[in-house]
Amino acid sequence: MIKVKTVEITIKTEDLITVSDAAKELEVARKTIERWIKDGKLLAIKTEQNVYLDRSRIEKLKQAKTQ
């Protein structure tokens, strides 16, 4: 049996970025972002309408890409 713990968190919307916008920022395909989510490389927050990512994580990836 798998136990699942539910936690409540508060996140400011300005701290989030959509998958499409993250793909544009990183200059990769949307499918690449989706694969990174599936592989556990990126944590995604799913709502009824969208999938969001942590903007600071995307910024770090962007900086690493330019170095």
PDB file of N, CA and C in Angstrom:
ATOM      1  N   MET A   1       0.837  -1.169   0.000  1.00  0.00           N
ATOM      2  CA  MET A   1       0.000   0.000   0.000  1.00  0.00           C
ATOM      3  C   MET A   1       0.892   1.246   0.000  1.00  0.00           C
ATOM      4  N   ILE A   2       0.499   2.241  -0.770  1.00  0.00           N
ATOM      5  CA  ILE A   2       1.230   3.494  -0.854  1.00  0.00           C
ATOM      6  C   ILE A   2       0.478   4.534  -0.039  1.00  0.00           C
ATOM      7  N   LYS A   3       1.206   5.192   0.855  1.00  0.00           N
ATOM      8  CA  LYS A   3       0.601   6.277   1.622  1.00  0.00           C
ATOM      9  C   LYS A   3       0.932   7.598   0.930  1.00  0.00           C
ATOM     10  N   VAL A   4      -0.066   8.410   0.787  1.00  0.00           N
ATOM     11  CA  VAL A   4       0.101   9.715   0.165  1.00  0.00           C
ATOM     12  C   VAL A   4      -0.203  10.769   1.204  1.00  0.00           C
ATOM     13  N   LYS A   5       0.708  11.714   1.349  1.00  0.00           N
ATOM     14  CA  LYS A   5       0.507  12.802   2.287  1.00  0.00           C
ATOM     15  C   LYS A   5       0.169  14.061   1.498  1.00  0.00           C
ATOM     16  N   THR A   6      -0.879  14.714   1.886  1.00  0.00           N
ATOM     17  CA  THR A   6      -1.290  15.954   1.249  1.00  0.00           C
ATOM     18  C   THR A   6      -0.803  17.116   2.099  1.00  0.00           C
ATOM     19  N   VAL A   7      -0.172  18.080   1.435  1.00  0.00           N
ATOM     20  CA  VAL A   7       0.285  19.277   2.129  1.00  0.00           C
ATOM     21  C   VAL A   7      -0.260  20.494   1.407  1.00  0.00           C
ATOM     22  N   GLU A   8      -0.434  21.551   2.140  1.00  0.00           N
ATOM     23  CA  GLU A   8      -0.906  22.798   1.545  1.00  0.00           C
ATOM     24  C   GLU A   8       0.262  23.766   1.491  1.00  0.00           C
ATOM     25  N   ILE A   9       0.464  24.352   0.322  1.00  0.00           N
ATOM     26  CA  ILE A   9       1.527  25.333   0.161  1.00  0.00           C
ATOM     27  C   ILE A   9       0.947  26.587  -0.474  1.00  0.00           C
ATOM     28  N   THR A  10       1.628  27.691  -0.262  1.00  0.00           N
ATOM     29  CA  THR A  10       1.222  28.945  -0.877  1.00  0.00           C
ATOM     30  C   THR A  10       2.355  29.396  -1.801  1.00  0.00           C
ATOM     31  N   ILE A  11       2.006  29.657  -3.042  1.00  0.00           N
ATOM     32  CA  ILE A  11       2.987  30.076  -4.039  1.00  0.00           C
ATOM     33  C   ILE A  11       2.465  31.326  -4.722  1.00  0.00           C
ATOM     34  N   LYS A  12       3.325  32.296  -4.867  1.00  0.00           N
ATOM     35  CA  LYS A  12       2.942  33.511  -5.586  1.00  0.00           C
ATOM     36  C   LYS A  12       2.960  33.226  -7.082  1.00  0.00           C
ATOM     37  N   THR A  13       1.973  33.733  -7.779  1.00  0.00           N
ATOM     38  CA  THR A  13       1.896  33.465  -9.215  1.00  0.00           C
ATOM     39  C   THR A  13       3.097  34.015  -9.979  1.00  0.00           C
ATOM     40  N   GLU A  14       3.704  35.073  -9.475  1.00  0.00           N
ATOM     41  CA  GLU A  14       4.887  35.612 -10.170  1.00  0.00           C
ATOM     42  C   GLU A  14       6.100  34.697 -10.026  1.00  0.00           C
ATOM     43  N   ASP A  15       6.010  33.698  -9.148  1.00  0.00           N
ATOM     44  CA  ASP A  15       7.090  32.721  -8.982  1.00  0.00           C
ATOM     45  C   ASP A  15       6.945  31.538  -9.930  1.00  0.00           C
ATOM     46  N   LEU A  16       5.892  31.551 -10.743  1.00  0.00           N
ATOM     47  CA  LEU A  16       5.605  30.430 -11.632  1.00  0.00           C
ATOM     48  C   LEU A  16       5.729  30.840 -13.091  1.00  0.00           C
ATOM     49  N   ILE A  17       5.980  29.840 -13.931  1.00  0.00           N
ATOM     50  CA  ILE A  17       6.061  30.056 -15.374  1.00  0.00           C
ATOM     51  C   ILE A  17       5.392  28.859 -16.051  1.00  0.00           C
ATOM     52  N   THR A  18       4.707  29.108 -17.142  1.00  0.00           N
ATOM     53  CA  THR A  18       4.054  28.008 -17.852  1.00  0.00           C
ATOM     54  C   THR A  18       5.094  27.187 -18.615  1.00  0.00           C
ATOM     55  N   VAL A  19       4.703  25.992 -18.986  1.00  0.00           N
ATOM     56  CA  VAL A  19       5.589  25.119 -19.754  1.00  0.00           C
ATOM     57  C   VAL A  19       5.968  25.787 -21.074  1.00  0.00           C
ATOM     58  N   SER A  20       5.009  26.381 -21.745  1.00  0.00           N
ATOM     59  CA  SER A  20       5.285  27.048 -23.031  1.00  0.00           C
ATOM     60  C   SER A  20       6.285  28.188 -22.868  1.00  0.00           C
ATOM     61  N   ASP A  21       6.082  29.012 -21.838  1.00  0.00           N
ATOM     62  CA  ASP A  21       6.997  30.135 -21.612  1.00  0.00           C
ATOM     63  C   ASP A  21       8.380  29.649 -21.199  1.00  0.00           C
ATOM     64  N   ALA A  22       8.434  28.582 -20.423  1.00  0.00           N
ATOM     65  CA  ALA A  22       9.732  28.018 -20.023  1.00  0.00           C
ATOM     66  C   ALA A  22      10.480  27.501 -21.246  1.00  0.00           C
ATOM     67  N   ALA A  23       9.763  26.857 -22.155  1.00  0.00           N
ATOM     68  CA  ALA A  23      10.389  26.358 -23.378  1.00  0.00           C
ATOM     69  C   ALA A  23      10.978  27.511 -24.196  1.00  0.00           C
ATOM     70  N   LYS A  24      10.240  28.606 -24.273  1.00  0.00           N
ATOM     71  CA  LYS A  24      10.744  29.786 -24.994  1.00  0.00           C
ATOM     72  C   LYS A  24      11.980  30.351 -24.307  1.00  0.00           C
ATOM     73  N   GLU A  25      11.927  30.469 -22.982  1.00  0.00           N
ATOM     74  CA  GLU A  25      13.059  31.011 -22.222  1.00  0.00           C
ATOM     75  C   GLU A  25      14.324  30.184 -22.412  1.00  0.00           C
ATOM     76  N   LEU A  26      14.161  28.867 -22.426  1.00  0.00           N
ATOM     77  CA  LEU A  26      15.311  27.963 -22.525  1.00  0.00           C
ATOM     78  C   LEU A  26      15.667  27.611 -23.962  1.00  0.00           C
ATOM     79  N   GLU A  27      14.842  28.094 -24.908  1.00  0.00           N
ATOM     80  CA  GLU A  27      15.052  27.823 -26.327  1.00  0.00           C
ATOM     81  C   GLU A  27      15.103  26.325 -26.605  1.00  0.00           C
ATOM     82  N   VAL A  28      14.117  25.612 -26.034  1.00  0.00           N
ATOM     83  CA  VAL A  28      13.950  24.177 -26.278  1.00  0.00           C
ATOM     84  C   VAL A  28      12.499  23.933 -26.656  1.00  0.00           C
ATOM     85  N   ALA A  29      12.226  22.749 -27.157  1.00  0.00           N
ATOM     86  CA  ALA A  29      10.857  22.395 -27.518  1.00  0.00           C
ATOM     87  C   ALA A  29      10.019  22.159 -26.266  1.00  0.00           C
ATOM     88  N   ARG A  30       8.738  22.420 -26.388  1.00  0.00           N
ATOM     89  CA  ARG A  30       7.804  22.157 -25.284  1.00  0.00           C
ATOM     90  C   ARG A  30       7.886  20.692 -24.865  1.00  0.00           C
ATOM     91  N   LYS A  31       8.043  19.802 -25.831  1.00  0.00           N
ATOM     92  CA  LYS A  31       8.161  18.360 -25.548  1.00  0.00           C
ATOM     93  C   LYS A  31       9.372  18.065 -24.667  1.00  0.00           C
ATOM     94  N   THR A  32      10.439  18.838 -24.815  1.00  0.00           N
ATOM     95  CA  THR A  32      11.623  18.661 -23.971  1.00  0.00           C
ATOM     96  C   THR A  32      11.283  18.966 -22.523  1.00  0.00           C
ATOM     97  N   ILE A  33      10.578  20.070 -22.297  1.00  0.00           N
ATOM     98  CA  ILE A  33      10.154  20.429 -20.940  1.00  0.00           C
ATOM     99  C   ILE A  33       9.260  19.340 -20.368  1.00  0.00           C
ATOM    100  N   GLU A  34       8.321  18.860 -21.178  1.00  0.00           N
ATOM    101  CA  GLU A  34       7.414  17.803 -20.725  1.00  0.00           C
ATOM    102  C   GLU A  34       8.182  16.526 -20.367  1.00  0.00           C
ATOM    103  N   ARG A  35       9.208  16.216 -21.145  1.00  0.00           N
ATOM    104  CA  ARG A  35      10.043  15.036 -20.852  1.00  0.00           C
ATOM    105  C   ARG A  35      10.814  15.221 -19.551  1.00  0.00           C
ATOM    106  N   TRP A  36      11.337  16.431 -19.323  1.00  0.00           N
ATOM    107  CA  TRP A  36      12.059  16.708 -18.077  1.00  0.00           C
ATOM    108  C   TRP A  36      11.134  16.569 -16.877  1.00  0.00           C
ATOM    109  N   ILE A  37       9.891  16.967 -17.037  1.00  0.00           N
ATOM    110  CA  ILE A  37       8.900  16.799 -15.954  1.00  0.00           C
ATOM    111  C   ILE A  37       8.672  15.309 -15.712  1.00  0.00           C
ATOM    112  N   LYS A  38       8.436  14.575 -16.788  1.00  0.00           N
ATOM    113  CA  LYS A  38       8.185  13.132 -16.685  1.00  0.00           C
ATOM    114  C   LYS A  38       9.368  12.404 -16.047  1.00  0.00           C
ATOM    115  N   ASP A  39      10.583  12.818 -16.402  1.00  0.00           N
ATOM    116  CA  ASP A  39      11.797  12.184 -15.881  1.00  0.00           C
ATOM    117  C   ASP A  39      12.150  12.641 -14.466  1.00  0.00           C
ATOM    118  N   GLY A  40      11.396  13.618 -13.942  1.00  0.00           N
ATOM    119  CA  GLY A  40      11.648  14.100 -12.590  1.00  0.00           C
ATOM    120  C   GLY A  40      12.718  15.176 -12.490  1.00  0.00           C
ATOM    121  N   LYS A  41      13.163  15.696 -13.621  1.00  0.00           N
ATOM    122  CA  LYS A  41      14.189  16.752 -13.617  1.00  0.00           C
ATOM    123  C   LYS A  41      13.596  18.114 -13.261  1.00  0.00           C
ATOM    124  N   LEU A  42      12.294  18.271 -13.505  1.00  0.00           N
ATOM    125  CA  LEU A  42      11.588  19.503 -13.150  1.00  0.00           C
ATOM    126  C   LEU A  42      10.328  19.140 -12.389  1.00  0.00           C
ATOM    127  N   LEU A  43      10.041  19.904 -11.361  1.00  0.00           N
ATOM    128  CA  LEU A  43       8.818  19.729 -10.593  1.00  0.00           C
ATOM    129  C   LEU A  43       7.727  20.588 -11.218  1.00  0.00           C
ATOM    130  N   ALA A  44       6.591  19.989 -11.484  1.00  0.00           N
ATOM    131  CA  ALA A  44       5.482  20.703 -12.108  1.00  0.00           C
ATOM    132  C   ALA A  44       4.328  20.827 -11.132  1.00  0.00           C
ATOM    133  N   ILE A  45       3.640  21.943 -11.242  1.00  0.00           N
ATOM    134  CA  ILE A  45       2.421  22.175 -10.473  1.00  0.00           C
ATOM    135  C   ILE A  45       1.279  22.191 -11.480  1.00  0.00           C
ATOM    136  N   LYS A  46       0.387  21.231 -11.360  1.00  0.00           N
ATOM    137  CA  LYS A  46      -0.701  21.102 -12.324  1.00  0.00           C
ATOM    138  C   LYS A  46      -1.984  21.667 -11.736  1.00  0.00           C
ATOM    139  N   THR A  47      -2.650  22.485 -12.533  1.00  0.00           N
ATOM    140  CA  THR A  47      -3.970  22.992 -12.176  1.00  0.00           C
ATOM    141  C   THR A  47      -4.953  22.433 -13.201  1.00  0.00           C
ATOM    142  N   GLU A  48      -6.186  22.804 -13.077  1.00  0.00           N
ATOM    143  CA  GLU A  48      -7.180  22.338 -14.049  1.00  0.00           C
ATOM    144  C   GLU A  48      -6.893  22.856 -15.449  1.00  0.00           C
ATOM    145  N   GLN A  49      -6.261  24.024 -15.538  1.00  0.00           N
ATOM    146  CA  GLN A  49      -6.073  24.660 -16.843  1.00  0.00           C
ATOM    147  C   GLN A  49      -4.645  24.648 -17.364  1.00  0.00           C
ATOM    148  N   ASN A  50      -3.657  24.617 -16.487  1.00  0.00           N
ATOM    149  CA  ASN A  50      -2.269  24.755 -16.911  1.00  0.00           C
ATOM    150  C   ASN A  50      -1.322  23.900 -16.089  1.00  0.00           C
ATOM    151  N   VAL A  51      -0.092  23.837 -16.586  1.00  0.00           N
ATOM    152  CA  VAL A  51       1.008  23.227 -15.852  1.00  0.00           C
ATOM    153  C   VAL A  51       2.043  24.327 -15.648  1.00  0.00           C
ATOM    154  N   TYR A  52       2.470  24.490 -14.410  1.00  0.00           N
ATOM    155  CA  TYR A  52       3.411  25.558 -14.079  1.00  0.00           C
ATOM    156  C   TYR A  52       4.708  24.983 -13.535  1.00  0.00           C
ATOM    157  N   LEU A  53       5.760  25.761 -13.695  1.00  0.00           N
ATOM    158  CA  LEU A  53       7.080  25.408 -13.188  1.00  0.00           C
ATOM    159  C   LEU A  53       7.596  26.543 -12.317  1.00  0.00           C
ATOM    160  N   ASP A  54       8.561  26.224 -11.489  1.00  0.00           N
ATOM    161  CA  ASP A  54       9.199  27.219 -10.632  1.00  0.00           C
ATOM    162  C   ASP A  54      10.083  28.121 -11.496  1.00  0.00           C
ATOM    163  N   ARG A  55       9.738  29.396 -11.543  1.00  0.00           N
ATOM    164  CA  ARG A  55      10.473  30.348 -12.385  1.00  0.00           C
ATOM    165  C   ARG A  55      11.965  30.412 -12.019  1.00  0.00           C
ATOM    166  N   SER A  56      12.296  30.336 -10.742  1.00  0.00           N
ATOM    167  CA  SER A  56      13.704  30.426 -10.332  1.00  0.00           C
ATOM    168  C   SER A  56      14.507  29.231 -10.850  1.00  0.00           C
ATOM    169  N   ARG A  57      13.879  28.058 -10.926  1.00  0.00           N
ATOM    170  CA  ARG A  57      14.555  26.863 -11.466  1.00  0.00           C
ATOM    171  C   ARG A  57      14.833  27.043 -12.952  1.00  0.00           C
ATOM    172  N   ILE A  58      13.891  27.619 -13.667  1.00  0.00           N
ATOM    173  CA  ILE A  58      14.074  27.880 -15.101  1.00  0.00           C
ATOM    174  C   ILE A  58      15.186  28.908 -15.303  1.00  0.00           C
ATOM    175  N   GLU A  59      15.217  29.930 -14.453  1.00  0.00           N
ATOM    176  CA  GLU A  59      16.285  30.940 -14.538  1.00  0.00           C
ATOM    177  C   GLU A  59      17.651  30.302 -14.319  1.00  0.00           C
ATOM    178  N   LYS A  60      17.756  29.392 -13.356  1.00  0.00           N
ATOM    179  CA  LYS A  60      19.026  28.694 -13.096  1.00  0.00           C
ATOM    180  C   LYS A  60      19.445  27.845 -14.277  1.00  0.00           C
ATOM    181  N   LEU A  61      18.501  27.156 -14.889  1.00  0.00           N
ATOM    182  CA  LEU A  61      18.814  26.361 -16.074  1.00  0.00           C
ATOM    183  C   LEU A  61      19.270  27.242 -17.229  1.00  0.00           C
ATOM    184  N   LYS A  62      18.639  28.389 -17.368  1.00  0.00           N
ATOM    185  CA  LYS A  62      19.006  29.333 -18.424  1.00  0.00           C
ATOM    186  C   LYS A  62      20.424  29.862 -18.208  1.00  0.00           C
ATOM    187  N   GLN A  63      20.748  30.184 -16.974  1.00  0.00           N
ATOM    188  CA  GLN A  63      22.104  30.664 -16.665  1.00  0.00           C
ATOM    189  C   GLN A  63      23.135  29.578 -16.917  1.00  0.00           C
ATOM    190  N   ALA A  64      22.835  28.365 -16.528  1.00  0.00           N
ATOM    191  CA  ALA A  64      23.769  27.247 -16.740  1.00  0.00           C
ATOM    192  C   ALA A  64      23.983  26.993 -18.228  1.00  0.00           C
ATOM    193  N   LYS A  65      22.946  27.194 -19.007  1.00  0.00           N
ATOM    194  CA  LYS A  65      23.025  26.975 -20.448  1.00  0.00           C
ATOM    195  C   LYS A  65      23.946  27.989 -21.126  1.00  0.00           C
ATOM    196  N   THR A  66      24.008  29.214 -20.589  1.00  0.00           N
ATOM    197  CA  THR A  66      24.813  30.269 -21.213  1.00  0.00           C
ATOM    198  C   THR A  66      26.269  30.256 -20.749  1.00  0.00           C
ATOM    199  N   GLN A  67      26.580  29.429 -19.772  1.00  0.00           N
ATOM    200  CA  GLN A  67      27.975  29.400 -19.266  1.00  0.00           C
ATOM    201  C   GLN A  67      28.814  28.409 -20.015  1.00  0.00           C
TER     202      GLN A  67
END
